[in-house]
Amino acid sequence: MASVDECRQALRELAERLDRHAHVQGRIDLDRTLACRITDLDTAFHGRLEGGRLVDLADGDDPKAKIALSANSDDLIALVHGQLDITRAVTARRVSVKANPFDLMKLRKLL
C-alpha cells in the first residue's frame, strides 16, 4: 500500500506532465472540478482541470466535483506512471470514474 505522501506526489507528477503537454492538450475544452478519492487510505485530493492542465491541487475531497476518480493507492500510482491502463482498470473495477459521457471522452485524450 502506498502512502498518502506518495499519492500526493504522483498527482503532482501528473499535473507537471499535463502542464508540459498543455500546448497540445490546450485545445481540449474541459474545465471541470476533479476529486481523486484514495479508497484504501480514506483520503482524497481535489483540483481543477483547465485546458488540459491539472491546477489548484490540494488535500481533501470535493463532494461537488464534476469528475470523481476512486482508486486504491497502488492503482493510482500505477495509473500515473503508465503501468496500468485506465480502460482496463475501469473495466476490471479497480478504478471508478464518475463523469458525464462527454467529459469521459475528453478525459481519455488527457490520459
C-alpha atoms as a PDB file:
ATOM      1  CA  MET A   1       0.000   0.000   0.000  1.00  0.00           C
ATOM      2  CA  ALA A   2       1.340   3.396  -0.986  1.00  0.00           C
ATOM      3  CA  SER A   3       1.318   6.283   1.471  1.00  0.00           C
ATOM      4  CA  VAL A   4      -0.691   9.500   1.316  1.00  0.00           C
ATOM      5  CA  ASP A   5       2.538  11.372   0.500  1.00  0.00           C
ATOM      6  CA  GLU A   6       3.296   9.005  -2.392  1.00  0.00           C
ATOM      7  CA  CYS A   7      -0.208   9.545  -3.796  1.00  0.00           C
ATOM      8  CA  ARG A   8       0.125  13.318  -3.416  1.00  0.00           C
ATOM      9  CA  GLN A   9       3.487  13.193  -5.227  1.00  0.00           C
ATOM     10  CA  ALA A  10       2.053  11.042  -8.028  1.00  0.00           C
ATOM     11  CA  LEU A  11      -0.735  13.569  -8.591  1.00  0.00           C
ATOM     12  CA  ARG A  12       1.815  16.414  -8.633  1.00  0.00           C
ATOM     13  CA  GLU A  13       3.820  14.472 -11.229  1.00  0.00           C
ATOM     14  CA  LEU A  14       0.648  14.057 -13.297  1.00  0.00           C
ATOM     15  CA  ALA A  15      -0.026  17.801 -13.051  1.00  0.00           C
ATOM     16  CA  GLU A  16       3.543  18.558 -14.199  1.00  0.00           C
ATOM     17  CA  ARG A  17       3.259  16.134 -17.123  1.00  0.00           C
ATOM     18  CA  LEU A  18      -0.061  17.644 -18.217  1.00  0.00           C
ATOM     19  CA  ASP A  19       1.452  21.111 -17.926  1.00  0.00           C
ATOM     20  CA  ARG A  20       4.395  20.133 -20.163  1.00  0.00           C
ATOM     21  CA  HIS A  21       1.981  18.864 -22.816  1.00  0.00           C
ATOM     22  CA  ALA A  22      -0.596  21.635 -22.481  1.00  0.00           C
ATOM     23  CA  HIS A  23       0.327  23.158 -25.850  1.00  0.00           C
ATOM     24  CA  VAL A  24      -1.170  20.052 -27.470  1.00  0.00           C
ATOM     25  CA  GLN A  25      -3.871  19.429 -24.894  1.00  0.00           C
ATOM     26  CA  GLY A  26      -4.832  23.081 -24.608  1.00  0.00           C
ATOM     27  CA  ARG A  27      -7.266  22.510 -27.407  1.00  0.00           C
ATOM     28  CA  ILE A  28      -9.225  20.207 -25.113  1.00  0.00           C
ATOM     29  CA  ASP A  29     -12.221  22.167 -23.890  1.00  0.00           C
ATOM     30  CA  LEU A  30     -12.540  20.739 -20.406  1.00  0.00           C
ATOM     31  CA  ASP A  31     -12.964  22.980 -17.386  1.00  0.00           C
ATOM     32  CA  ARG A  32     -14.187  20.846 -14.512  1.00  0.00           C
ATOM     33  CA  THR A  33     -13.606  20.258 -10.830  1.00  0.00           C
ATOM     34  CA  LEU A  34     -11.931  16.960 -10.026  1.00  0.00           C
ATOM     35  CA  ALA A  35     -11.862  14.787  -6.923  1.00  0.00           C
ATOM     36  CA  CYS A  36      -9.468  11.881  -6.526  1.00  0.00           C
ATOM     37  CA  ARG A  37     -10.514   9.551  -3.730  1.00  0.00           C
ATOM     38  CA  ILE A  38      -7.995   7.031  -2.394  1.00  0.00           C
ATOM     39  CA  THR A  39     -10.131   4.215  -1.048  1.00  0.00           C
ATOM     40  CA  ASP A  40      -7.596   2.238   0.993  1.00  0.00           C
ATOM     41  CA  LEU A  41      -6.183   5.333   2.718  1.00  0.00           C
ATOM     42  CA  ASP A  42      -9.552   7.003   3.356  1.00  0.00           C
ATOM     43  CA  THR A  43      -8.216  10.251   1.933  1.00  0.00           C
ATOM     44  CA  ALA A  44      -8.831  12.441  -1.079  1.00  0.00           C
ATOM     45  CA  PHE A  45      -7.399  15.222  -3.178  1.00  0.00           C
ATOM     46  CA  HIS A  46      -9.129  17.774  -5.337  1.00  0.00           C
ATOM     47  CA  GLY A  47      -8.270  20.207  -8.072  1.00  0.00           C
ATOM     48  CA  ARG A  48      -9.458  21.565 -11.355  1.00  0.00           C
ATOM     49  CA  LEU A  49      -8.906  20.531 -14.960  1.00  0.00           C
ATOM     50  CA  GLU A  50      -8.461  23.600 -17.159  1.00  0.00           C
ATOM     51  CA  GLY A  51      -7.480  23.406 -20.815  1.00  0.00           C
ATOM     52  CA  GLY A  52      -5.559  20.165 -20.443  1.00  0.00           C
ATOM     53  CA  ARG A  53      -3.913  21.169 -17.158  1.00  0.00           C
ATOM     54  CA  LEU A  54      -4.478  19.979 -13.586  1.00  0.00           C
ATOM     55  CA  VAL A  55      -4.392  23.064 -11.366  1.00  0.00           C
ATOM     56  CA  ASP A  56      -5.108  24.020  -7.766  1.00  0.00           C
ATOM     57  CA  LEU A  57      -4.309  20.513  -6.484  1.00  0.00           C
ATOM     58  CA  ALA A  58      -4.996  20.311  -2.747  1.00  0.00           C
ATOM     59  CA  ASP A  59      -5.688  17.823   0.025  1.00  0.00           C
ATOM     60  CA  GLY A  60      -9.288  16.988   0.848  1.00  0.00           C
ATOM     61  CA  ASP A  61     -12.387  15.877  -1.002  1.00  0.00           C
ATOM     62  CA  ASP A  62     -14.718  17.946  -3.136  1.00  0.00           C
ATOM     63  CA  PRO A  63     -18.114  16.263  -2.871  1.00  0.00           C
ATOM     64  CA  LYS A  64     -19.471  18.542  -5.614  1.00  0.00           C
ATOM     65  CA  ALA A  65     -16.689  17.724  -8.109  1.00  0.00           C
ATOM     66  CA  LYS A  66     -17.940  17.192 -11.651  1.00  0.00           C
ATOM     67  CA  ILE A  67     -15.386  14.404 -12.172  1.00  0.00           C
ATOM     68  CA  ALA A  68     -14.600  11.875  -9.444  1.00  0.00           C
ATOM     69  CA  LEU A  69     -11.932   9.206  -9.659  1.00  0.00           C
ATOM     70  CA  SER A  70     -11.766   6.494  -6.985  1.00  0.00           C
ATOM     71  CA  ALA A  71      -8.915   4.009  -6.705  1.00  0.00           C
ATOM     72  CA  ASN A  72      -6.705   2.367  -4.148  1.00  0.00           C
ATOM     73  CA  SER A  73      -3.295   3.930  -3.587  1.00  0.00           C
ATOM     74  CA  ASP A  74      -1.277   1.363  -5.562  1.00  0.00           C
ATOM     75  CA  ASP A  75      -3.612   1.574  -8.560  1.00  0.00           C
ATOM     76  CA  LEU A  76      -3.473   5.380  -8.548  1.00  0.00           C
ATOM     77  CA  ILE A  77       0.318   5.328  -8.644  1.00  0.00           C
ATOM     78  CA  ALA A  78       0.327   2.656 -11.361  1.00  0.00           C
ATOM     79  CA  LEU A  79      -2.079   4.759 -13.454  1.00  0.00           C
ATOM     80  CA  VAL A  80       0.008   7.901 -13.124  1.00  0.00           C
ATOM     81  CA  HIS A  81       3.214   6.057 -14.008  1.00  0.00           C
ATOM     82  CA  GLY A  82       1.632   4.387 -17.039  1.00  0.00           C
ATOM     83  CA  GLN A  83       1.812   0.879 -15.572  1.00  0.00           C
ATOM     84  CA  LEU A  84      -1.969   0.437 -15.501  1.00  0.00           C
ATOM     85  CA  ASP A  85      -4.236   1.117 -18.465  1.00  0.00           C
ATOM     86  CA  ILE A  86      -7.214   3.258 -17.464  1.00  0.00           C
ATOM     87  CA  THR A  87      -9.672   1.401 -19.695  1.00  0.00           C
ATOM     88  CA  ARG A  88      -8.678  -1.991 -18.316  1.00  0.00           C
ATOM     89  CA  ALA A  89      -8.669  -0.672 -14.759  1.00  0.00           C
ATOM     90  CA  VAL A  90     -12.205   0.688 -15.104  1.00  0.00           C
ATOM     91  CA  THR A  91     -13.408  -2.494 -16.806  1.00  0.00           C
ATOM     92  CA  ALA A  92     -11.895  -4.595 -14.015  1.00  0.00           C
ATOM     93  CA  ARG A  93     -13.488  -2.247 -11.443  1.00  0.00           C
ATOM     94  CA  ARG A  94     -10.121  -1.399  -9.945  1.00  0.00           C
ATOM     95  CA  VAL A  95     -10.790   2.254 -10.721  1.00  0.00           C
ATOM     96  CA  SER A  96     -14.057   4.141 -10.815  1.00  0.00           C
ATOM     97  CA  VAL A  97     -14.555   7.349 -12.783  1.00  0.00           C
ATOM     98  CA  LYS A  98     -17.788   9.277 -12.402  1.00  0.00           C
ATOM     99  CA  ALA A  99     -18.354  11.944 -15.022  1.00  0.00           C
ATOM    100  CA  ASN A 100     -20.758  12.694 -17.790  1.00  0.00           C
ATOM    101  CA  PRO A 101     -20.092  10.742 -21.015  1.00  0.00           C
ATOM    102  CA  PHE A 102     -18.802  13.774 -22.931  1.00  0.00           C
ATOM    103  CA  ASP A 103     -16.272  14.554 -20.201  1.00  0.00           C
ATOM    104  CA  LEU A 104     -15.137  10.919 -20.201  1.00  0.00           C
ATOM    105  CA  MET A 105     -14.305  11.140 -23.912  1.00  0.00           C
ATOM    106  CA  LYS A 106     -12.273  14.291 -23.310  1.00  0.00           C
ATOM    107  CA  LEU A 107     -10.505  12.725 -20.315  1.00  0.00           C
ATOM    108  CA  ARG A 108      -9.292   9.842 -22.472  1.00  0.00           C
ATOM    109  CA  LYS A 109      -7.322  12.353 -24.526  1.00  0.00           C
ATOM    110  CA  LEU A 110      -5.544  13.572 -21.402  1.00  0.00           C
ATOM    111  CA  LEU A 111      -4.577  10.161 -20.045  1.00  0.00           C
END
